Structure formats: structure tokens, C-alpha cells
PDB file of N, CA and C in Angstrom:
ATOM      1  N   MET A   1      55.411-106.404 153.185  1.00  0.00           N
ATOM      2  CA  MET A   1      55.921-105.136 153.656  1.00  0.00           C
ATOM      3  C   MET A   1      55.889-104.150 152.498  1.00  0.00           C
ATOM      4  N   PHE A   2      55.535-102.929 152.751  1.00  0.00           N
ATOM      5  CA  PHE A   2      55.360-101.929 151.721  1.00  0.00           C
ATOM      6  C   PHE A   2      56.608-101.104 151.454  1.00  0.00           C
ATOM      7  N   LEU A   3      57.686-101.300 152.215  1.00  0.00           N
ATOM      8  CA  LEU A   3      58.905-100.516 152.029  1.00  0.00           C
ATOM      9  C   LEU A   3      59.574-100.881 150.715  1.00  0.00           C
ATOM     10  N   MET A   4      60.142 -99.873 150.097  1.00  0.00           N
ATOM     11  CA  MET A   4      60.880-100.102 148.872  1.00  0.00           C
ATOM     12  C   MET A   4      62.334 -99.728 149.094  1.00  0.00           C
ATOM     13  N   ALA A   5      63.220-100.382 148.378  1.00  0.00           N
ATOM     14  CA  ALA A   5      64.642-100.052 148.473  1.00  0.00           C
ATOM     15  C   ALA A   5      64.819 -98.564 148.197  1.00  0.00           C
ATOM     16  N   GLY A   6      65.666 -97.925 148.957  1.00  0.00           N
ATOM     17  CA  GLY A   6      65.896 -96.498 148.800  1.00  0.00           C
ATOM     18  C   GLY A   6      64.993 -95.643 149.669  1.00  0.00           C
ATOM     19  N   CYS A   7      64.155 -96.269 150.481  1.00  0.00           N
ATOM     20  CA  CYS A   7      63.262 -95.539 151.377  1.00  0.00           C
ATOM     21  C   CYS A   7      64.108 -94.785 152.410  1.00  0.00           C
ATOM     22  N   THR A   8      63.827 -93.488 152.574  1.00  0.00           N
ATOM     23  CA  THR A   8      64.615 -92.660 153.488  1.00  0.00           C
ATOM     24  C   THR A   8      63.806 -92.264 154.716  1.00  0.00           C
ATOM     25  N   LEU A   9      64.507 -91.774 155.722  1.00  0.00           N
ATOM     26  CA  LEU A   9      63.816 -91.275 156.915  1.00  0.00           C
ATOM     27  C   LEU A   9      62.855 -90.155 156.539  1.00  0.00           C
ATOM     28  N   GLN A  10      63.284 -89.249 155.661  1.00  0.00           N
ATOM     29  CA  GLN A  10      62.418 -88.138 155.272  1.00  0.00           C
ATOM     30  C   GLN A  10      61.184 -88.624 154.529  1.00  0.00           C
ATOM     31  N   SER A  11      61.332 -89.626 153.676  1.00  0.00           N
ATOM     32  CA  SER A  11      60.162 -90.121 152.944  1.00  0.00           C
ATOM     33  C   SER A  11      59.148 -90.762 153.890  1.00  0.00           C
ATOM     34  N   LEU A  12      59.618 -91.412 154.951  1.00  0.00           N
ATOM     35  CA  LEU A  12      58.686 -91.970 155.936  1.00  0.00           C
ATOM     36  C   LEU A  12      57.987 -90.863 156.704  1.00  0.00           C
ATOM     37  N   ILE A  13      58.726 -89.824 157.076  1.00  0.00           N
ATOM     38  CA  ILE A  13      58.123 -88.685 157.777  1.00  0.00           C
ATOM     39  C   ILE A  13      57.074 -88.037 156.884  1.00  0.00           C
ATOM     40  N   ASP A  14      57.429 -87.783 155.631  1.00  0.00           N
ATOM     41  CA  ASP A  14      56.499 -87.146 154.693  1.00  0.00           C
ATOM     42  C   ASP A  14      55.247 -87.983 154.482  1.00  0.00           C
ATOM     43  N   GLY A  15      55.396 -89.300 154.498  1.00  0.00           N
ATOM     44  CA  GLY A  15      54.261 -90.188 154.290  1.00  0.00           C
ATOM     45  C   GLY A  15      53.477 -90.514 155.549  1.00  0.00           C
ATOM     46  N   GLY A  16      53.955 -90.033 156.700  1.00  0.00           N
ATOM     47  CA  GLY A  16      53.252 -90.286 157.951  1.00  0.00           C
ATOM     48  C   GLY A  16      53.458 -91.688 158.504  1.00  0.00           C
ATOM     49  N   THR A  17      54.475 -92.388 158.030  1.00  0.00           N
ATOM     50  CA  THR A  17      54.747 -93.744 158.505  1.00  0.00           C
ATOM     51  C   THR A  17      55.342 -93.712 159.906  1.00  0.00           C
ATOM     52  N   LYS A  18      54.940 -94.642 160.732  1.00  0.00           N
ATOM     53  CA  LYS A  18      55.479 -94.796 162.088  1.00  0.00           C
ATOM     54  C   LYS A  18      56.313 -96.072 162.134  1.00  0.00           C
ATOM     55  N   ILE A  19      57.413 -96.021 162.896  1.00  0.00           N
ATOM     56  CA  ILE A  19      58.230 -97.214 163.124  1.00  0.00           C
ATOM     57  C   ILE A  19      58.184 -97.522 164.612  1.00  0.00           C
ATOM     58  N   THR A  20      57.834 -98.753 164.934  1.00  0.00           N
ATOM     59  CA  THR A  20      57.818 -99.206 166.318  1.00  0.00           C
ATOM     60  C   THR A  20      58.932-100.223 166.509  1.00  0.00           C
ATOM     61  N   MET A  21      59.742-100.011 167.550  1.00  0.00           N
ATOM     62  CA  MET A  21      60.812-100.933 167.903  1.00  0.00           C
ATOM     63  C   MET A  21      60.306-101.846 169.007  1.00  0.00           C
ATOM     64  N   HIS A  22      60.591-103.138 168.893  1.00  0.00           N
ATOM     65  CA  HIS A  22      60.208-104.078 169.949  1.00  0.00           C
ATOM     66  C   HIS A  22      61.410-104.949 170.283  1.00  0.00           C
ATOM     67  N   CYS A  23      61.669-105.082 171.579  1.00  0.00           N
ATOM     68  CA  CYS A  23      62.821-105.835 172.066  1.00  0.00           C
ATOM     69  C   CYS A  23      62.417-107.289 172.307  1.00  0.00           C
ATOM     70  N   ALA A  24      63.161-108.204 171.721  1.00  0.00           N
ATOM     71  CA  ALA A  24      62.881-109.627 171.895  1.00  0.00           C
ATOM     72  C   ALA A  24      63.314-110.125 173.270  1.00  0.00           C
ATOM     73  N   HIS A  25      64.216-109.411 173.911  1.00  0.00           N
ATOM     74  CA  HIS A  25      64.736-109.848 175.209  1.00  0.00           C
ATOM     75  C   HIS A  25      63.807-109.460 176.362  1.00  0.00           C
ATOM     76  N   CYS A  26      63.412-108.182 176.424  1.00  0.00           N
ATOM     77  CA  CYS A  26      62.627-107.713 177.578  1.00  0.00           C
ATOM     78  C   CYS A  26      61.200-107.296 177.219  1.00  0.00           C
ATOM     79  N   SER A  27      60.834-107.388 175.944  1.00  0.00           N
ATOM     80  CA  SER A  27      59.493-107.051 175.454  1.00  0.00           C
ATOM     81  C   SER A  27      59.174-105.562 175.498  1.00  0.00           C
ATOM     82  N   TYR A  28      60.173-104.717 175.639  1.00  0.00           N
ATOM     83  CA  TYR A  28      59.964-103.268 175.625  1.00  0.00           C
ATOM     84  C   TYR A  28      59.545-102.840 174.220  1.00  0.00           C
ATOM     85  N   ILE A  29      58.608-101.903 174.153  1.00  0.00           N
ATOM     86  CA  ILE A  29      58.106-101.388 172.878  1.00  0.00           C
ATOM     87  C   ILE A  29      58.216 -99.873 172.894  1.00  0.00           C
ATOM     88  N   GLN A  30      58.666 -99.303 171.782  1.00  0.00           N
ATOM     89  CA  GLN A  30      58.803 -97.857 171.684  1.00  0.00           C
ATOM     90  C   GLN A  30      58.549 -97.416 170.247  1.00  0.00           C
ATOM     91  N   VAL A  31      57.741 -96.360 170.082  1.00  0.00           N
ATOM     92  CA  VAL A  31      57.584 -95.731 168.776  1.00  0.00           C
ATOM     93  C   VAL A  31      58.785 -94.814 168.583  1.00  0.00           C
ATOM     94  N   LEU A  32      59.481 -94.983 167.472  1.00  0.00           N
ATOM     95  CA  LEU A  32      60.693 -94.211 167.234  1.00  0.00           C
ATOM     96  C   LEU A  32      60.362 -92.776 166.840  1.00  0.00           C
ATOM     97  N   ASP A  33      61.197 -91.865 167.263  1.00  0.00           N
ATOM     98  CA  ASP A  33      61.081 -90.453 166.904  1.00  0.00           C
ATOM     99  C   ASP A  33      61.834 -90.261 165.589  1.00  0.00           C
ATOM    100  N   LEU A  34      61.101 -90.288 164.482  1.00  0.00           N
ATOM    101  CA  LEU A  34      61.743 -90.211 163.173  1.00  0.00           C
ATOM    102  C   LEU A  34      62.399 -88.861 162.926  1.00  0.00           C
ATOM    103  N   GLU A  35      61.827 -87.793 163.495  1.00  0.00           N
ATOM    104  CA  GLU A  35      62.451 -86.480 163.342  1.00  0.00           C
ATOM    105  C   GLU A  35      63.819 -86.445 164.026  1.00  0.00           C
ATOM    106  N   LEU A  36      63.911 -87.054 165.192  1.00  0.00           N
ATOM    107  CA  LEU A  36      65.194 -87.128 165.898  1.00  0.00           C
ATOM    108  C   LEU A  36      66.211 -87.938 165.089  1.00  0.00           C
ATOM    109  N   LEU A  37      65.782 -89.073 164.547  1.00  0.00           N
ATOM    110  CA  LEU A  37      66.676 -89.881 163.721  1.00  0.00           C
ATOM    111  C   LEU A  37      67.104 -89.119 162.469  1.00  0.00           C
ATOM    112  N   ARG A  38      66.164 -88.410 161.850  1.00  0.00           N
ATOM    113  CA  ARG A  38      66.499 -87.606 160.669  1.00  0.00           C
ATOM    114  C   ARG A  38      67.532 -86.540 161.007  1.00  0.00           C
ATOM    115  N   ASN A  39      67.347 -85.875 162.146  1.00  0.00           N
ATOM    116  CA  ASN A  39      68.281 -84.827 162.546  1.00  0.00           C
ATOM    117  C   ASN A  39      69.663 -85.396 162.866  1.00  0.00           C
ATOM    118  N   ARG A  40      69.710 -86.610 163.371  1.00  0.00           N
ATOM    119  CA  ARG A  40      70.988 -87.238 163.721  1.00  0.00           C
ATOM    120  C   ARG A  40      71.708 -87.801 162.496  1.00  0.00           C
ATOM    121  N   TYR A  41      70.971 -88.489 161.615  1.00  0.00           N
ATOM    122  CA  TYR A  41      71.602 -89.196 160.502  1.00  0.00           C
ATOM    123  C   TYR A  41      71.406 -88.529 159.144  1.00  0.00           C
ATOM    124  N   GLY A  42      70.525 -87.534 159.064  1.00  0.00           N
ATOM    125  CA  GLY A  42      70.267 -86.834 157.809  1.00  0.00           C
ATOM    126  C   GLY A  42      68.988 -87.310 157.145  1.00  0.00           C
ATOM    127  N   PRO A  43      68.340 -86.429 156.379  1.00  0.00           N
ATOM    128  CA  PRO A  43      67.057 -86.767 155.757  1.00  0.00           C
ATOM    129  C   PRO A  43      67.154 -87.875 154.714  1.00  0.00           C
ATOM    130  N   GLU A  44      68.310 -88.031 154.098  1.00  0.00           N
ATOM    131  CA  GLU A  44      68.476 -89.048 153.060  1.00  0.00           C
ATOM    132  C   GLU A  44      68.989 -90.381 153.606  1.00  0.00           C
ATOM    133  N   ALA A  45      69.110 -90.486 154.932  1.00  0.00           N
ATOM    134  CA  ALA A  45      69.554 -91.749 155.538  1.00  0.00           C
ATOM    135  C   ALA A  45      68.520 -92.834 155.255  1.00  0.00           C
ATOM    136  N   SER A  46      68.996 -94.018 154.996  1.00  0.00           N
ATOM    137  CA  SER A  46      68.115 -95.144 154.699  1.00  0.00           C
ATOM    138  C   SER A  46      67.247 -95.487 155.906  1.00  0.00           C
ATOM    139  N   ALA A  47      65.986 -95.802 155.619  1.00  0.00           N
ATOM    140  CA  ALA A  47      65.054 -96.211 156.669  1.00  0.00           C
ATOM    141  C   ALA A  47      64.801 -97.715 156.635  1.00  0.00           C
ATOM    142  N   MET A  48      65.602 -98.426 155.873  1.00  0.00           N
ATOM    143  CA  MET A  48      65.443 -99.873 155.772  1.00  0.00           C
ATOM    144  C   MET A  48      65.925-100.539 157.061  1.00  0.00           C
ATOM    145  N   PRO A  49      65.267-101.616 157.478  1.00  0.00           N
ATOM    146  CA  PRO A  49      65.662-102.290 158.724  1.00  0.00           C
ATOM    147  C   PRO A  49      67.132-102.694 158.748  1.00  0.00           C
ATOM    148  N   THR A  50      67.658-103.151 157.626  1.00  0.00           N
ATOM    149  CA  THR A  50      69.062-103.578 157.603  1.00  0.00           C
ATOM    150  C   THR A  50      70.021-102.428 157.883  1.00  0.00           C
ATOM    151  N   ASP A  51      69.589-101.196 157.633  1.00  0.00           N
ATOM    152  CA  ASP A  51      70.423-100.027 157.900  1.00  0.00           C
ATOM    153  C   ASP A  51      70.164 -99.431 159.279  1.00  0.00           C
ATOM    154  N   LEU A  52      68.922 -99.511 159.762  1.00  0.00           N
ATOM    155  CA  LEU A  52      68.585 -98.922 161.065  1.00  0.00           C
ATOM    156  C   LEU A  52      68.969 -99.812 162.244  1.00  0.00           C
ATOM    157  N   LEU A  53      68.740-101.109 162.124  1.00  0.00           N
ATOM    158  CA  LEU A  53      68.945-102.006 163.270  1.00  0.00           C
ATOM    159  C   LEU A  53      70.358-101.962 163.862  1.00  0.00           C
ATOM    160  N   PRO A  54      71.425-101.896 163.055  1.00  0.00           N
ATOM    161  CA  PRO A  54      72.761-101.838 163.666  1.00  0.00           C
ATOM    162  C   PRO A  54      72.997-100.588 164.516  1.00  0.00           C
ATOM    163  N   LYS A  55      72.186 -99.555 164.312  1.00  0.00           N
ATOM    164  CA  LYS A  55      72.342 -98.302 165.052  1.00  0.00           C
ATOM    165  C   LYS A  55      71.514 -98.272 166.333  1.00  0.00           C
ATOM    166  N   MET A  56      70.726 -99.307 166.575  1.00  0.00           N
ATOM    167  CA  MET A  56      69.757 -99.266 167.662  1.00  0.00           C
ATOM    168  C   MET A  56      70.040-100.286 168.750  1.00  0.00           C
ATOM    169  N   ARG A  57      69.515 -99.958 169.926  1.00  0.00           N
ATOM    170  CA  ARG A  57      69.492-100.903 171.040  1.00  0.00           C
ATOM    171  C   ARG A  57      68.293-100.536 171.905  1.00  0.00           C
ATOM    172  N   CYS A  58      67.870-101.464 172.711  1.00  0.00           N
ATOM    173  CA  CYS A  58      66.707-101.272 173.569  1.00  0.00           C
ATOM    174  C   CYS A  58      67.013-100.232 174.643  1.00  0.00           C
ATOM    175  N   ARG A  59      66.110 -99.303 174.808  1.00  0.00           N
ATOM    176  CA  ARG A  59      66.263 -98.269 175.833  1.00  0.00           C
ATOM    177  C   ARG A  59      66.145 -98.863 177.233  1.00  0.00           C
ATOM    178  N   ASN A  60      65.415 -99.947 177.366  1.00  0.00           N
ATOM    179  CA  ASN A  60      65.159-100.550 178.672  1.00  0.00           C
ATOM    180  C   ASN A  60      66.298-101.458 179.140  1.00  0.00           C
ATOM    181  N   CYS A  61      66.732-102.391 178.277  1.00  0.00           N
ATOM    182  CA  CYS A  61      67.723-103.388 178.708  1.00  0.00           C
ATOM    183  C   CYS A  61      69.059-103.275 177.973  1.00  0.00           C
ATOM    184  N   GLU A  62      69.157-102.334 177.030  1.00  0.00           N
ATOM    185  CA  GLU A  62      70.370-102.127 176.225  1.00  0.00           C
ATOM    186  C   GLU A  62      70.633-103.263 175.240  1.00  0.00           C
ATOM    187  N   GLY A  63      69.678-104.183 175.109  1.00  0.00           N
ATOM    188  CA  GLY A  63      69.846-105.308 174.195  1.00  0.00           C
ATOM    189  C   GLY A  63      69.767-104.884 172.738  1.00  0.00           C
ATOM    190  N   ARG A  64      70.311-105.716 171.884  1.00  0.00           N
ATOM    191  CA  ARG A  64      70.296-105.438 170.444  1.00  0.00           C
ATOM    192  C   ARG A  64      69.447-106.444 169.662  1.00  0.00           C
ATOM    193  N   THR A  65      68.747-107.322 170.375  1.00  0.00           N
ATOM    194  CA  THR A  65      67.857-108.273 169.716  1.00  0.00           C
ATOM    195  C   THR A  65      66.497-107.608 169.580  1.00  0.00           C
ATOM    196  N   ILE A  66      66.400-106.744 168.580  1.00  0.00           N
ATOM    197  CA  ILE A  66      65.191-105.944 168.406  1.00  0.00           C
ATOM    198  C   ILE A  66      64.639-106.123 167.000  1.00  0.00           C
ATOM    199  N   GLY A  67      63.377-105.795 166.872  1.00  0.00           N
ATOM    200  CA  GLY A  67      62.715-105.815 165.579  1.00  0.00           C
ATOM    201  C   GLY A  67      62.037-104.484 165.341  1.00  0.00           C
ATOM    202  N   LEU A  68      61.728-104.223 164.096  1.00  0.00           N
ATOM    203  CA  LEU A  68      61.052-102.984 163.721  1.00  0.00           C
ATOM    204  C   LEU A  68      59.763-103.310 162.989  1.00  0.00           C
ATOM    205  N   SER A  69      58.713-102.558 163.310  1.00  0.00           N
ATOM    206  CA  SER A  69      57.439-102.670 162.602  1.00  0.00           C
ATOM    207  C   SER A  69      57.139-101.321 161.972  1.00  0.00           C
ATOM    208  N   TYR A  70      56.767-101.338 160.713  1.00  0.00           N
ATOM    209  CA  TYR A  70      56.460-100.115 159.972  1.00  0.00           C
ATOM    210  C   TYR A  70      54.955-100.053 159.754  1.00  0.00           C
ATOM    211  N   ALA A  71      54.348 -98.913 160.082  1.00  0.00           N
ATOM    212  CA  ALA A  71      52.901 -98.756 159.924  1.00  0.00           C
ATOM    213  C   ALA A  71      52.619 -97.490 159.120  1.00  0.00           C
ATOM    214  N   PRO A  72      51.952 -97.631 157.977  1.00  0.00           N
ATOM    215  CA  PRO A  72      51.643 -96.456 157.160  1.00  0.00           C
ATOM    216  C   PRO A  72      50.558 -95.607 157.802  1.00  0.00           C
ATOM    217  N   ASP A  73      50.461 -94.375 157.327  1.00  0.00           N
ATOM    218  CA  ASP A  73      49.389 -93.478 157.750  1.00  0.00           C
ATOM    219  C   ASP A  73      48.111 -93.942 157.054  1.00  0.00           C
ATOM    220  N   LEU A  74      47.222 -94.559 157.800  1.00  0.00           N
ATOM    221  CA  LEU A  74      46.013 -95.134 157.211  1.00  0.00           C
ATOM    222  C   LEU A  74      44.979 -94.087 156.823  1.00  0.00           C
ATOM    223  N   THR A  75      45.079 -92.874 157.344  1.00  0.00           N
ATOM    224  CA  THR A  75      44.089 -91.854 156.991  1.00  0.00           C
ATOM    225  C   THR A  75      44.148 -91.531 155.507  1.00  0.00           C
ATOM    226  N   SER A  76      45.325 -91.543 154.902  1.00  0.00           N
ATOM    227  CA  SER A  76      45.418 -91.251 153.472  1.00  0.00           C
ATOM    228  C   SER A  76      44.756 -92.356 152.655  1.00  0.00           C
ATOM    229  N   ILE A  77      44.843 -93.595 153.106  1.00  0.00           N
ATOM    230  CA  ILE A  77      44.211 -94.707 152.401  1.00  0.00           C
ATOM    231  C   ILE A  77      42.698 -94.620 152.544  1.00  0.00           C
ATOM    232  N   VAL A  78      42.209 -94.310 153.731  1.00  0.00           N
ATOM    233  CA  VAL A  78      40.770 -94.171 153.964  1.00  0.00           C
ATOM    234  C   VAL A  78      40.218 -93.016 153.148  1.00  0.00           C
ATOM    235  N   ASP A  79      40.918 -91.878 153.129  1.00  0.00           N
ATOM    236  CA  ASP A  79      40.466 -90.722 152.355  1.00  0.00           C
ATOM    237  C   ASP A  79      40.408 -91.043 150.868  1.00  0.00           C
ATOM    238  N   MET A  80      41.358 -91.818 150.375  1.00  0.00           N
ATOM    239  CA  MET A  80      41.372 -92.196 148.972  1.00  0.00           C
ATOM    240  C   MET A  80      40.121 -93.010 148.648  1.00  0.00           C
ATOM    241  N   GLY A  81      39.729 -93.897 149.537  1.00  0.00           N
ATOM    242  CA  GLY A  81      38.525 -94.684 149.330  1.00  0.00           C
ATOM    243  C   GLY A  81      37.276 -93.826 149.310  1.00  0.00           C
ATOM    244  N   ARG A  82      37.239 -92.815 150.152  1.00  0.00           N
ATOM    245  CA  ARG A  82      36.086 -91.907 150.175  1.00  0.00           C
ATOM    246  C   ARG A  82      36.000 -91.106 148.883  1.00  0.00           C
ATOM    247  N   ARG A  83      37.139 -90.650 148.381  1.00  0.00           N
ATOM    248  CA  ARG A  83      37.136 -89.868 147.143  1.00  0.00           C
ATOM    249  C   ARG A  83      36.659 -90.716 145.974  1.00  0.00           C
ATOM    250  N   ASN A  84      37.041 -91.983 145.955  1.00  0.00           N
ATOM    251  CA  ASN A  84      36.691 -92.850 144.834  1.00  0.00           C
ATOM    252  C   ASN A  84      35.292 -93.435 144.952  1.00  0.00           C
ATOM    253  N   ALA A  85      34.679 -93.363 146.123  1.00  0.00           N
ATOM    254  CA  ALA A  85      33.361 -93.973 146.337  1.00  0.00           C
ATOM    255  C   ALA A  85      32.297 -93.343 145.450  1.00  0.00           C
ATOM    256  N   GLY A  86      32.412 -92.061 145.160  1.00  0.00           N
ATOM    257  CA  GLY A  86      31.411 -91.380 144.353  1.00  0.00           C
ATOM    258  C   GLY A  86      31.659 -91.471 142.861  1.00  0.00           C
ATOM    259  N   ASN A  87      32.736 -92.075 142.446  1.00  0.00           N
ATOM    260  CA  ASN A  87      33.071 -92.167 141.019  1.00  0.00           C
ATOM    261  C   ASN A  87      32.478 -93.433 140.424  1.00  0.00           C
ATOM    262  N   ASP A  88      31.585 -93.259 139.453  1.00  0.00           N
ATOM    263  CA  ASP A  88      31.013 -94.407 138.745  1.00  0.00           C
ATOM    264  C   ASP A  88      31.726 -94.551 137.411  1.00  0.00           C
ATOM    265  N   HIS A  89      32.285 -95.702 137.178  1.00  0.00           N
ATOM    266  CA  HIS A  89      32.980 -95.960 135.922  1.00  0.00           C
ATOM    267  C   HIS A  89      32.243 -97.043 135.142  1.00  0.00           C
ATOM    268  N   ALA A  90      30.990 -96.795 134.818  1.00  0.00           N
ATOM    269  CA  ALA A  90      30.185 -97.794 134.115  1.00  0.00           C
ATOM    270  C   ALA A  90      30.301 -97.641 132.628  1.00  0.00           C
TER     271      ALA A  90
END
């Protein structure tokens, strides 16, 4: 996992990271609205699973047996590879 301690909701928004919630009980999946969470809890609120999970429940079944998946913005990684492709360091 690429998250570091101290990761905030605002830092995930700025980095283009998406968080997907998945319910272990009913298999419901939802991409979280990070802007809504930021507006509710503040930009400096922790985005770590141990801090977010107690605040969440499944929208479908109201269950709390949920998991979170974090996905970085891959376009920045792909663009970085393109920029470095033309650099010869011989």
C-alpha cells in the first residue's frame, strides 16, 4: 500500500487518489466522494483506513463490515515514464 502515516483527505484529492468502499456483507461497491468527506471532516482529516472506517457504513445494507481500496492517479505515473523515455543517461 502506498499510503503514508499522516495522509489527509486533501492530499488524496490533490494527488487524484480514489477510494472505493466494498461491503463484505452485501458486496455493495461505491467510490467515495472525497470532496464531500473533506467538507464534512476538514481538509486535514486523516485518510487512513483506521480513521475512516469507524465513520462509515454500507449505503445498501447499513453494515459496518467494509473495506477500503485506494487507487492512485495512474496518469501521473504514465506521464512520468513518457518524460523520462527520451532521457539518455549513458
